[in-house]
């Protein structure tokens, strides 16, 4: 599950921004936190789900998948105090708890 969620977050950062992106993984038992930084300061927006999903669509379900497959997810805007390579953009994160 972690690989799928990480792939979705990185794919969103690469597809929707024009600058670099970075992924950060942090394991503090029993929680894995996956975070992706990108240079676009706009908040991520999960699309509204259609009453009848169209499996032929190739995009538009990434954040919905992240929301459904993780315990928590969110994002925050980055300011000048950050220690990441750039001081703008956003950080989108999610948490997966270890299952029994």
Protein backbone atom coordinates (compact mmCIF):
# COMPACT_ATOMS: atom_id res chain seq x y z
CA UNK A 1 0.00 0.00 0.00
CA UNK A 2 2.83 2.41 0.85
CA UNK A 3 4.33 2.05 -2.63
CA UNK A 4 1.01 2.88 -4.29
CA UNK A 5 0.39 5.95 -2.13
CA UNK A 6 3.96 7.22 -2.54
CA UNK A 7 3.70 6.80 -6.31
CA UNK A 8 0.45 8.78 -6.42
CA UNK A 9 1.87 11.66 -4.36
CA UNK A 10 5.05 11.88 -6.45
CA UNK A 11 3.11 11.58 -9.71
CA UNK A 12 0.87 14.48 -8.64
CA UNK A 13 3.89 16.63 -7.79
CA UNK A 14 5.59 15.89 -11.12
CA UNK A 15 2.43 16.27 -13.21
CA UNK A 16 1.08 19.46 -11.65
CA UNK A 17 4.20 21.53 -10.98
CA UNK A 18 6.96 23.03 -13.10
CA UNK A 19 9.80 22.72 -10.63
CA UNK A 20 11.59 20.04 -8.68
CA UNK A 21 9.93 17.69 -6.21
CA UNK A 22 11.18 15.53 -3.34
CA UNK A 23 9.84 12.63 -1.30
CA UNK A 24 10.45 12.06 2.40
CA UNK A 25 9.70 8.86 4.30
CA UNK A 26 9.66 8.64 8.07
CA UNK A 27 9.04 5.50 10.10
CA UNK A 28 8.16 5.91 13.77
CA UNK A 29 6.64 2.60 14.80
CA UNK A 30 3.85 1.89 14.13
CA UNK A 31 3.34 4.75 11.63
CA UNK A 32 4.93 5.39 8.23
CA UNK A 33 4.67 9.04 7.17
CA UNK A 34 5.13 9.76 3.46
CA UNK A 35 5.57 13.36 2.40
CA UNK A 36 6.13 14.98 -0.97
CA UNK A 37 7.34 18.53 -1.49
CA UNK A 38 6.77 20.50 -4.68
CA UNK A 39 7.10 24.11 -5.80
CA UNK A 40 3.41 24.83 -6.42
CA UNK A 41 1.94 26.67 -3.42
CA UNK A 42 -1.67 25.92 -4.42
CA UNK A 43 -3.49 23.37 -2.25
CA UNK A 44 -4.08 19.91 -3.67
CA UNK A 45 -7.69 19.43 -4.67
CA UNK A 46 -9.36 16.05 -4.76
CA UNK A 47 -11.86 15.95 -7.61
CA UNK A 48 -15.50 15.31 -6.89
CA UNK A 49 -16.34 11.68 -7.49
CA UNK A 50 -18.88 10.99 -10.18
CA UNK A 51 -21.96 8.96 -9.28
CA UNK A 52 -20.78 6.35 -11.80
CA UNK A 53 -16.96 6.17 -11.92
CA UNK A 54 -15.47 5.94 -15.40
CA UNK A 55 -12.67 3.32 -15.39
CA UNK A 56 -11.49 4.58 -18.80
CA UNK A 57 -10.22 7.85 -17.29
CA UNK A 58 -6.45 7.88 -16.90
CA UNK A 59 -6.24 10.57 -14.22
CA UNK A 60 -8.18 12.40 -11.55
CA UNK A 61 -8.36 9.75 -8.84
CA UNK A 62 -4.96 10.06 -7.14
CA UNK A 63 -5.90 12.03 -4.04
CA UNK A 64 -9.10 10.04 -3.65
CA UNK A 65 -6.96 6.91 -3.64
CA UNK A 66 -4.61 8.46 -1.08
CA UNK A 67 -7.55 9.41 1.13
CA UNK A 68 -9.08 5.92 0.95
CA UNK A 69 -5.82 4.00 1.48
CA UNK A 70 -4.30 5.97 4.36
CA UNK A 71 -5.18 6.68 7.96
CA UNK A 72 -4.65 10.44 7.58
CA UNK A 73 -3.48 12.83 4.94
CA UNK A 74 -3.06 16.56 4.61
CA UNK A 75 -0.89 19.34 3.29
CA UNK A 76 0.68 22.59 4.37
CA UNK A 77 2.17 25.59 2.68
CA UNK A 78 5.89 26.17 3.14
CA UNK A 79 7.36 29.46 4.31
CA UNK A 80 10.85 30.91 4.62
CA UNK A 81 11.67 28.89 7.75
CA UNK A 82 11.77 25.56 5.92
CA UNK A 83 14.98 23.57 5.56
CA UNK A 84 14.01 22.04 2.22
CA UNK A 85 15.89 23.00 -0.97
CA UNK A 86 13.47 25.82 -1.79
CA UNK A 87 11.39 28.03 0.46
CA UNK A 88 8.16 27.94 -1.49
CA UNK A 89 5.60 25.39 -2.49
CA UNK A 90 3.78 22.86 -0.38
CA UNK A 91 4.25 19.58 1.45
CA UNK A 92 1.58 16.90 0.99
CA UNK A 93 1.74 14.07 3.52
CA UNK A 94 -0.05 10.92 4.56
CA UNK A 95 0.24 8.37 7.35
CA UNK A 96 -0.14 4.60 7.25
CA UNK A 97 -0.33 2.69 10.52
CA UNK A 98 1.12 -0.79 10.73
CA UNK A 99 -1.64 -3.36 10.56
CA UNK A 100 -1.86 -6.43 12.75
